[in-house]
N, C-alpha and C. Protein backbone atom coordinates (compact mmCIF):
# COMPACT_ATOMS: atom_id res chain seq x y z
N MET A 1 0.74 -1.06 0.27
CA MET A 1 -0.35 0.09 0.09
C MET A 1 0.59 1.28 0.09
N THR A 2 0.31 2.33 -1.09
CA THR A 2 0.82 3.60 -0.79
C THR A 2 1.28 4.39 0.12
N ALA A 3 1.80 5.21 0.26
CA ALA A 3 1.54 6.77 1.08
C ALA A 3 0.39 7.20 0.86
N THR A 4 -0.02 7.34 -0.44
CA THR A 4 -1.06 8.07 -0.96
C THR A 4 -2.47 7.44 -0.37
N GLU A 5 -2.09 6.09 -0.86
CA GLU A 5 -3.35 5.43 -0.31
C GLU A 5 -3.65 5.23 1.31
N ASP A 6 -2.75 5.31 1.84
CA ASP A 6 -3.43 5.26 3.62
C ASP A 6 -3.43 6.52 3.51
N ALA A 7 -3.31 7.77 3.20
CA ALA A 7 -3.50 9.21 3.38
C ALA A 7 -5.01 9.34 3.63
N TRP A 8 -5.42 8.77 1.82
CA TRP A 8 -7.15 8.76 1.54
C TRP A 8 -7.85 8.11 2.77
N LYS A 9 -7.11 6.84 3.17
CA LYS A 9 -7.84 6.25 4.17
C LYS A 9 -8.16 6.88 5.32
N ALA A 10 -7.09 7.36 6.30
CA ALA A 10 -7.38 8.13 6.85
C ALA A 10 -7.92 9.43 6.68
N LEU A 11 -7.69 9.89 5.36
CA LEU A 11 -9.09 11.30 5.33
C LEU A 11 -10.47 10.82 5.83
N GLN A 12 -10.74 9.08 5.15
CA GLN A 12 -11.63 8.58 5.12
C GLN A 12 -12.54 8.58 6.40
N HIS A 13 -11.27 8.21 7.13
CA HIS A 13 -11.76 8.12 8.64
C HIS A 13 -11.54 9.01 9.55
N SER A 14 -11.37 10.40 9.30
CA SER A 14 -12.11 11.26 9.61
C SER A 14 -13.11 11.72 9.51
N ASN A 15 -13.44 11.70 7.80
CA ASN A 15 -14.62 12.29 7.44
C ASN A 15 -15.76 11.24 7.68
N ASP A 16 -15.29 9.80 8.39
CA ASP A 16 -16.48 8.96 9.20
C ASP A 16 -16.66 9.61 10.82
N LEU A 17 -15.87 9.76 11.29
CA LEU A 17 -15.94 10.43 12.49
C LEU A 17 -16.95 11.77 12.50
N ILE A 18 -16.57 12.38 11.62
CA ILE A 18 -17.51 13.51 11.39
C ILE A 18 -19.29 12.75 11.20
N LYS A 19 -19.04 11.92 10.89
CA LYS A 19 -20.31 12.08 10.29
C LYS A 19 -21.25 10.66 11.45
N VAL A 20 -20.12 10.24 12.37
CA VAL A 20 -20.47 10.09 13.37
C VAL A 20 -21.25 10.80 14.55
N ALA A 21 -20.57 11.66 14.65
CA ALA A 21 -20.66 12.97 15.73
C ALA A 21 -22.34 14.15 14.84
N ASP A 22 -22.26 13.87 13.71
CA ASP A 22 -23.63 14.23 12.91
C ASP A 22 -24.62 13.12 13.10
N THR A 23 -24.79 11.88 13.62
CA THR A 23 -25.49 11.44 13.64
C THR A 23 -25.99 11.32 15.18
N LYS A 24 -24.92 11.68 16.28
CA LYS A 24 -24.99 11.52 17.77
C LYS A 24 -25.91 12.72 18.18
N ALA A 25 -25.18 13.92 17.12
CA ALA A 25 -26.20 14.88 17.56
C ALA A 25 -27.79 15.20 17.04
N ALA A 26 -28.11 14.32 16.26
CA ALA A 26 -28.78 14.29 15.63
C ALA A 26 -30.16 13.50 16.26
N THR A 27 -29.68 12.38 17.23
CA THR A 27 -30.37 11.50 17.70
C THR A 27 -30.55 12.42 19.20
N MET A 28 -29.66 13.19 19.56
CA MET A 28 -30.19 14.16 21.03
C MET A 28 -31.11 15.43 20.19
N PHE A 29 -30.79 15.51 19.60
CA PHE A 29 -32.03 16.59 19.07
C PHE A 29 -33.19 16.27 18.97
N ALA A 30 -33.27 15.32 18.35
CA ALA A 30 -35.01 14.35 17.84
C ALA A 30 -34.87 13.78 19.52
N ALA A 31 -34.14 13.47 20.06
CA ALA A 31 -34.58 13.07 21.58
C ALA A 31 -35.12 13.85 22.36
N GLY A 32 -34.34 14.76 22.45
CA GLY A 32 -34.31 16.45 23.22
C GLY A 32 -35.56 16.88 22.72
N GLY A 33 -36.20 16.77 21.43
CA GLY A 33 -37.44 17.45 21.56
C GLY A 33 -38.39 16.48 21.95
N VAL A 34 -38.58 15.40 21.63
CA VAL A 34 -39.87 14.31 22.50
C VAL A 34 -40.08 14.80 23.61
N LEU A 35 -38.39 14.39 24.95
CA LEU A 35 -38.45 14.70 25.67
C LEU A 35 -39.05 15.87 26.52
N GLY A 36 -39.03 17.20 25.80
CA GLY A 36 -38.96 18.31 25.93
C GLY A 36 -40.72 18.42 25.89
N GLY A 37 -40.91 18.06 24.96
CA GLY A 37 -42.37 18.07 24.22
C GLY A 37 -42.94 17.52 25.82
N ILE A 38 -43.06 16.27 25.86
CA ILE A 38 -43.19 15.70 27.27
C ILE A 38 -43.03 16.41 28.54
N LEU A 39 -41.86 17.22 28.87
CA LEU A 39 -41.61 18.03 30.11
C LEU A 39 -42.55 18.97 30.28
N LEU A 40 -42.66 19.94 29.15
CA LEU A 40 -43.93 21.00 28.81
C LEU A 40 -45.19 20.38 29.33
N ARG A 41 -45.78 19.51 28.45
CA ARG A 41 -46.53 18.91 29.35
C ARG A 41 -47.43 18.34 30.46
N ALA A 42 -46.02 17.66 30.88
CA ALA A 42 -46.33 17.40 31.80
C ALA A 42 -46.35 18.40 33.44
N LEU A 43 -45.61 20.25 33.22
CA LEU A 43 -45.82 20.63 34.02
C LEU A 43 -47.45 21.18 34.14
N PRO A 44 -47.71 21.44 35.54
CA PRO A 44 -48.83 21.80 36.35
C PRO A 44 -49.14 23.45 35.71
N THR A 45 -50.23 23.59 36.15
CA THR A 45 -50.28 25.38 36.10
C THR A 45 -49.48 26.09 37.42
N GLN A 46 -49.38 27.19 36.72
CA GLN A 46 -48.49 27.97 37.89
C GLN A 46 -48.74 28.33 39.33
N GLN A 47 -50.63 28.12 39.46
CA GLN A 47 -51.27 28.13 40.35
C GLN A 47 -50.91 26.91 41.25
N LEU A 48 -50.10 25.49 40.96
CA LEU A 48 -49.67 24.47 41.81
C LEU A 48 -48.65 24.26 41.98
N TRP A 49 -47.83 25.57 41.75
CA TRP A 49 -46.33 25.57 41.59
C TRP A 49 -45.87 25.47 42.73
N LEU A 50 -46.60 26.27 43.57
CA LEU A 50 -45.44 26.01 45.02
C LEU A 50 -46.00 24.85 45.81
N ALA A 51 -47.39 24.07 46.03
CA ALA A 51 -47.91 23.36 46.69
C ALA A 51 -47.35 21.86 46.48
N ASP A 52 -47.03 21.72 45.01
CA ASP A 52 -46.14 20.98 44.09
C ASP A 52 -44.62 20.91 43.80
N TRP A 53 -43.86 21.82 44.76
CA TRP A 53 -42.51 22.31 44.61
C TRP A 53 -41.21 21.86 43.85
N LEU A 54 -41.30 20.72 44.54
CA LEU A 54 -40.27 19.39 44.54
C LEU A 54 -40.49 18.78 42.78
N HIS A 55 -41.44 18.48 42.34
CA HIS A 55 -41.88 17.69 41.34
C HIS A 55 -41.85 18.88 40.01
N VAL A 56 -42.27 20.31 40.55
CA VAL A 56 -42.26 21.50 39.68
C VAL A 56 -40.94 22.10 39.26
N GLY A 57 -40.01 21.49 40.47
CA GLY A 57 -39.04 22.06 40.04
C GLY A 57 -37.63 20.98 39.84
N LEU A 58 -38.06 20.00 39.76
CA LEU A 58 -37.49 18.51 38.98
C LEU A 58 -37.58 18.96 37.09
N LEU A 59 -39.05 19.17 37.00
CA LEU A 59 -39.31 18.99 35.66
C LEU A 59 -39.13 20.29 34.93
N LEU A 60 -38.35 21.34 36.30
CA LEU A 60 -38.06 23.06 35.40
C LEU A 60 -36.47 22.24 35.50
N ILE A 61 -35.89 21.98 36.08
CA ILE A 61 -34.17 21.17 35.97
C ILE A 61 -34.37 20.34 34.89
N SER A 62 -35.20 19.79 34.68
CA SER A 62 -35.31 18.90 33.34
C SER A 62 -35.28 19.25 31.95
N THR A 63 -36.13 20.34 32.30
CA THR A 63 -36.80 21.16 31.00
C THR A 63 -35.47 22.06 30.47
N GLY A 64 -34.95 22.53 31.58
CA GLY A 64 -33.45 23.18 31.43
C GLY A 64 -31.83 22.40 30.80
N SER A 65 -32.81 21.11 31.29
CA SER A 65 -30.95 20.25 30.88
C SER A 65 -31.24 19.98 29.27
N VAL A 66 -32.53 19.37 29.44
CA VAL A 66 -32.92 19.37 27.88
C VAL A 66 -32.72 20.63 26.64
N SER A 67 -33.31 21.71 27.43
CA SER A 67 -32.76 22.71 26.49
C SER A 67 -31.40 22.67 25.76
N ALA A 68 -30.76 22.64 26.87
CA ALA A 68 -28.89 22.78 26.53
C ALA A 68 -28.54 21.74 26.14
N SER A 69 -29.49 20.33 26.18
CA SER A 69 -28.70 19.64 25.21
C SER A 69 -29.29 20.10 23.45
N ILE A 70 -30.23 20.35 23.54
CA ILE A 70 -30.80 20.56 21.88
C ILE A 70 -30.09 21.57 21.55
N LEU A 71 -29.78 23.01 22.05
CA LEU A 71 -28.61 23.84 21.99
C LEU A 71 -26.95 23.43 21.09
N PHE A 72 -26.70 22.38 21.95
CA PHE A 72 -25.75 21.62 21.62
C PHE A 72 -25.54 20.87 20.66
N ALA A 73 -26.40 20.03 20.35
CA ALA A 73 -26.68 19.65 19.61
C ALA A 73 -27.01 20.24 18.67
N LEU A 74 -27.91 21.56 18.10
CA LEU A 74 -27.64 21.95 16.88
C LEU A 74 -26.45 23.03 16.50
N TRP A 75 -25.32 23.14 17.64
CA TRP A 75 -24.33 23.39 17.17
C TRP A 75 -23.00 22.49 16.61
N VAL A 76 -23.89 21.45 16.96
CA VAL A 76 -22.70 20.81 16.16
C VAL A 76 -23.20 20.92 14.59
N PHE A 77 -24.24 21.50 13.59
CA PHE A 77 -24.62 21.05 12.70
C PHE A 77 -24.51 22.56 12.01
N VAL A 78 -23.57 23.87 12.54
CA VAL A 78 -23.46 25.24 12.49
C VAL A 78 -22.15 24.74 11.39
N PRO A 79 -22.47 25.01 10.61
CA PRO A 79 -21.33 24.67 9.33
C PRO A 79 -19.99 26.39 9.19
N ARG A 80 -18.94 25.70 9.06
CA ARG A 80 -17.79 26.43 9.08
C ARG A 80 -17.22 26.21 8.28
N LEU A 81 -16.66 27.58 7.62
CA LEU A 81 -16.05 27.00 5.84
C LEU A 81 -14.42 27.53 6.38
N ARG A 82 -14.36 28.27 7.41
CA ARG A 82 -12.77 28.36 7.76
C ARG A 82 -12.14 27.31 8.10
N THR A 83 -11.11 26.82 7.69
CA THR A 83 -10.37 26.32 8.48
C THR A 83 -8.88 26.97 8.61
N GLU A 84 -8.88 28.08 9.37
CA GLU A 84 -7.66 28.56 9.41
C GLU A 84 -6.80 28.24 8.02
N ALA A 85 -5.33 27.69 8.16
CA ALA A 85 -4.39 27.47 7.59
C ALA A 85 -4.65 26.58 6.24
N SER A 86 -5.78 25.72 6.42
CA SER A 86 -5.70 24.79 5.54
C SER A 86 -5.81 25.45 3.78
N ARG A 87 -4.94 25.08 3.01
CA ARG A 87 -5.15 25.70 1.39
C ARG A 87 -5.25 24.34 0.58
N SER A 88 -6.17 23.19 1.29
CA SER A 88 -6.20 21.95 0.19
C SER A 88 -6.77 22.08 -0.81
N VAL A 89 -6.59 21.53 -1.61
CA VAL A 89 -7.25 21.89 -3.35
C VAL A 89 -8.63 20.44 -3.92
N LEU A 90 -8.18 19.82 -1.89
CA LEU A 90 -9.17 19.07 -1.94
C LEU A 90 -10.60 19.23 -1.06
N PHE A 91 -10.67 20.67 -0.67
CA PHE A 91 -11.52 21.34 0.43
C PHE A 91 -12.36 22.02 -0.72
N PHE A 92 -13.99 21.62 -0.40
CA PHE A 92 -14.67 22.94 -1.73
C PHE A 92 -14.80 23.92 -1.47
N ASP A 93 -14.55 24.56 0.18
CA ASP A 93 -14.80 25.81 0.01
C ASP A 93 -13.42 26.64 -0.45
N ASN A 94 -11.97 26.00 -0.26
CA ASN A 94 -11.15 26.69 -0.72
C ASN A 94 -11.31 26.19 -2.40
N VAL A 95 -11.44 25.59 -3.22
CA VAL A 95 -11.06 25.50 -4.81
C VAL A 95 -12.48 26.76 -4.84
N ALA A 96 -13.93 26.62 -4.33
CA ALA A 96 -14.94 27.54 -4.58
C ALA A 96 -14.28 28.56 -4.47
N ARG A 97 -13.34 29.40 -3.49
CA ARG A 97 -13.17 30.67 -3.15
C ARG A 97 -11.95 31.12 -4.13
N GLN A 98 -11.39 30.07 -4.89
CA GLN A 98 -9.94 30.60 -5.60
C GLN A 98 -10.15 30.57 -6.86
N TYR A 99 -11.29 29.57 -7.38
CA TYR A 99 -11.69 29.70 -8.91
C TYR A 99 -12.72 29.51 -9.57
N SER A 100 -13.34 30.89 -9.76
CA SER A 100 -14.83 31.23 -10.64
C SER A 100 -14.62 30.39 -11.05
N LYS A 101 -14.48 29.48 -12.44
CA LYS A 101 -14.90 28.62 -13.11
C LYS A 101 -13.70 27.26 -13.23
N ALA A 102 -14.14 26.55 -13.70
CA ALA A 102 -14.16 24.91 -13.45
C ALA A 102 -12.80 24.66 -14.55
N VAL A 103 -12.19 25.51 -15.82
CA VAL A 103 -11.34 25.66 -16.42
C VAL A 103 -10.02 26.18 -15.72
N ASP A 104 -10.74 27.27 -14.75
CA ASP A 104 -8.91 27.41 -13.80
C ASP A 104 -8.92 26.00 -13.11
N PHE A 105 -9.98 25.70 -12.78
CA PHE A 105 -9.26 24.78 -11.59
C PHE A 105 -8.53 23.39 -11.88
N VAL A 106 -9.01 23.36 -13.44
CA VAL A 106 -8.53 21.67 -13.74
C VAL A 106 -7.39 21.74 -13.88
N PRO A 107 -6.53 22.37 -14.42
CA PRO A 107 -4.84 22.56 -14.03
C PRO A 107 -4.17 22.06 -12.83
N THR A 108 -4.40 22.88 -12.00
CA THR A 108 -4.48 22.53 -10.55
C THR A 108 -4.88 21.28 -10.54
N TYR A 109 -5.85 20.76 -10.44
CA TYR A 109 -6.28 19.80 -10.11
C TYR A 109 -5.69 18.91 -10.32
N ARG A 110 -5.53 18.64 -12.12
CA ARG A 110 -4.34 17.65 -12.51
C ARG A 110 -2.90 17.68 -11.88
N THR A 111 -2.30 18.46 -11.62
CA THR A 111 -1.36 19.03 -11.42
C THR A 111 -0.70 17.95 -9.91
N THR A 112 -1.86 18.30 -9.04
CA THR A 112 -1.70 17.77 -7.80
C THR A 112 -1.84 16.04 -7.83
N LEU A 113 -2.91 15.46 -8.87
CA LEU A 113 -3.35 14.22 -8.80
C LEU A 113 -1.89 13.64 -9.53
N GLY A 114 -1.07 14.72 -10.42
CA GLY A 114 -0.46 13.60 -10.86
C GLY A 114 1.41 13.78 -10.21
N ASP A 115 1.19 14.01 -8.67
CA ASP A 115 2.48 14.44 -8.27
C ASP A 115 2.25 14.18 -7.06
N ALA A 116 2.37 12.58 -6.70
CA ALA A 116 2.16 11.71 -5.67
C ALA A 116 2.79 12.69 -4.47
N ALA A 117 3.85 13.54 -4.38
CA ALA A 117 4.16 14.61 -2.83
C ALA A 117 2.77 15.79 -2.58
N ARG A 118 2.58 16.16 -3.79
CA ARG A 118 1.29 17.13 -3.83
C ARG A 118 0.36 16.86 -3.26
N LEU A 119 -0.10 15.85 -3.85
CA LEU A 119 -1.16 15.07 -3.64
C LEU A 119 -1.42 14.54 -2.03
N GLU A 120 -0.17 14.45 -1.70
CA GLU A 120 0.13 13.81 0.11
C GLU A 120 -0.38 14.98 0.80
N GLU A 121 0.40 16.02 0.24
CA GLU A 121 0.51 17.20 0.84
C GLU A 121 -1.09 17.87 1.01
N SER A 122 -1.82 17.65 0.24
CA SER A 122 -2.88 18.53 -0.10
C SER A 122 -4.00 17.07 0.90
N LEU A 123 -3.68 15.85 0.54
CA LEU A 123 -4.29 15.37 1.81
C LEU A 123 -4.10 15.19 2.92
N ALA A 124 -3.09 15.72 3.52
CA ALA A 124 -2.21 15.87 4.43
C ALA A 124 -3.38 17.56 5.39
N ALA A 125 -3.29 17.88 4.12
CA ALA A 125 -4.10 19.58 4.91
C ALA A 125 -5.70 19.19 5.07
N GLN A 126 -6.01 18.37 4.08
CA GLN A 126 -7.66 17.64 3.98
C GLN A 126 -8.19 17.10 5.70
N PHE A 127 -6.87 16.38 5.99
CA PHE A 127 -7.07 15.43 7.02
C PHE A 127 -7.04 16.34 8.18
N TRP A 128 -6.25 17.46 8.48
CA TRP A 128 -6.16 18.53 9.53
C TRP A 128 -7.64 19.14 9.97
N ALA A 129 -7.74 19.57 8.27
CA ALA A 129 -8.82 19.94 8.62
C ALA A 129 -10.18 19.82 9.27
N THR A 130 -10.36 18.42 8.64
CA THR A 130 -11.59 17.46 8.77
C THR A 130 -11.62 16.72 10.25
N SER A 131 -10.14 16.38 10.61
CA SER A 131 -9.78 16.29 12.00
C SER A 131 -10.50 17.13 13.20
N ARG A 132 -10.31 18.65 12.33
CA ARG A 132 -10.09 19.87 13.10
C ARG A 132 -11.86 19.91 13.21
N ILE A 133 -12.54 19.80 12.26
CA ILE A 133 -14.02 19.65 12.68
C ILE A 133 -14.73 18.44 13.34
N ALA A 134 -13.91 17.22 13.09
CA ALA A 134 -14.61 16.49 14.06
C ALA A 134 -14.52 16.93 15.26
N GLN A 135 -12.94 17.27 15.61
CA GLN A 135 -12.70 17.72 17.32
C GLN A 135 -14.27 18.43 17.50
N ARG A 136 -14.59 19.17 16.99
CA ARG A 136 -15.15 20.60 17.09
C ARG A 136 -16.78 20.00 17.84
N LYS A 137 -17.17 19.08 16.43
CA LYS A 137 -18.26 18.01 16.58
C LYS A 137 -18.48 17.37 17.77
N PHE A 138 -17.27 16.60 18.25
CA PHE A 138 -17.11 16.07 18.95
C PHE A 138 -17.15 16.32 20.58
N ARG A 139 -17.14 18.14 20.46
CA ARG A 139 -16.70 18.71 21.92
C ARG A 139 -18.04 19.18 22.14
N ASN A 140 -19.03 19.24 21.30
CA ASN A 140 -20.13 19.61 21.21
C ASN A 140 -21.41 18.45 21.46
N VAL A 141 -20.83 17.42 20.68
CA VAL A 141 -21.94 16.78 21.40
C VAL A 141 -22.12 15.87 22.49
N THR A 142 -20.77 16.29 23.06
CA THR A 142 -20.27 15.19 24.40
C THR A 142 -21.27 16.04 25.30
N PRO A 143 -21.30 17.30 25.63
CA PRO A 143 -22.18 17.98 26.41
C PRO A 143 -23.55 17.46 26.52
N ALA A 144 -24.18 17.71 24.59
CA ALA A 144 -25.65 17.03 24.51
C ALA A 144 -25.75 15.59 25.18
N ILE A 145 -24.83 14.84 25.05
CA ILE A 145 -25.43 13.58 25.37
C ILE A 145 -25.54 13.67 26.92
N TRP A 146 -24.84 14.16 27.74
CA TRP A 146 -24.59 14.28 29.12
C TRP A 146 -25.70 15.22 29.52
N LEU A 147 -26.06 16.52 29.48
CA LEU A 147 -27.19 16.96 29.31
C LEU A 147 -28.57 16.40 29.05
N PHE A 148 -28.70 15.59 27.65
CA PHE A 148 -29.98 14.88 27.93
C PHE A 148 -29.99 13.98 29.06
N GLY A 149 -28.69 12.97 29.49
CA GLY A 149 -29.08 11.79 30.55
C GLY A 149 -29.61 12.38 31.76
N ILE A 150 -28.85 13.72 31.91
CA ILE A 150 -29.18 14.37 33.25
C ILE A 150 -30.74 14.84 32.91
N ALA A 151 -31.27 15.21 31.79
CA ALA A 151 -32.77 15.79 32.08
C ALA A 151 -33.69 14.40 32.44
N LEU A 152 -33.38 13.29 31.64
CA LEU A 152 -34.13 11.88 31.86
C LEU A 152 -34.13 11.70 32.62
N ILE A 153 -32.93 11.67 33.78
CA ILE A 153 -32.42 11.43 34.94
C ILE A 153 -33.55 12.26 35.73
N THR A 154 -33.64 13.13 35.49
CA THR A 154 -34.00 14.48 36.53
C THR A 154 -35.77 13.68 36.31
N ALA A 155 -36.15 13.83 34.56
CA ALA A 155 -37.57 14.02 34.55
C ALA A 155 -37.89 12.28 35.64
N LEU A 156 -37.45 11.18 35.72
CA LEU A 156 -37.93 9.82 35.93
C LEU A 156 -37.97 10.25 37.54
N LEU A 157 -36.94 11.18 38.35
CA LEU A 157 -37.18 11.84 39.83
C LEU A 157 -38.18 11.87 39.71
N ALA A 158 -38.94 13.13 38.81
CA ALA A 158 -40.04 14.15 38.85
C ALA A 158 -41.08 12.68 38.90
N GLY A 159 -41.28 12.29 38.38
CA GLY A 159 -42.73 11.16 37.93
C GLY A 159 -42.53 10.25 39.34
N ILE A 160 -41.16 9.62 39.69
CA ILE A 160 -41.47 9.48 40.91
C ILE A 160 -41.93 9.91 42.31
N VAL A 161 -41.04 11.27 42.16
CA VAL A 161 -41.97 12.08 43.42
C VAL A 161 -43.65 12.47 43.41
N MET A 162 -44.01 12.36 42.05
CA MET A 162 -45.31 13.06 42.08
C MET A 162 -46.00 11.73 42.78
N ARG A 163 -45.90 10.68 42.45
CA ARG A 163 -46.21 9.71 42.77
C ARG A 163 -46.41 9.55 44.48
């Protein structure tokens, strides 16, 4: 296996990790929406809040946690096209910004693909950029998962206290 093939595999792996983080965030977003809807329907009218303060307090804590979880999950999907110093000709935003016409890009593309060292350099730059993207996504999806867990446990406690 050549170094270029290894570089392509590494790039594919980092792209797969981005998909994993996106899938986790989508799951947290959907589950958070369901739990949030259940929690809002479970809240009693405000006149009963003082009489049932523990139950209401737990529901409000759970609602706050699930809301924060949803925000972290949404943040995973916010696109950021600028990846600092990456100049890879394999990154769509670099290509779109630098070349307004396909005919201007084709020679650069062919030169890059025809030169193994240049291709490996572009692959390395793209791997770096996708690694940064994956890192940012995982840094946001991790608290989304923890906050959803806290919301779920607190909601269950609210259900136990109510009985």
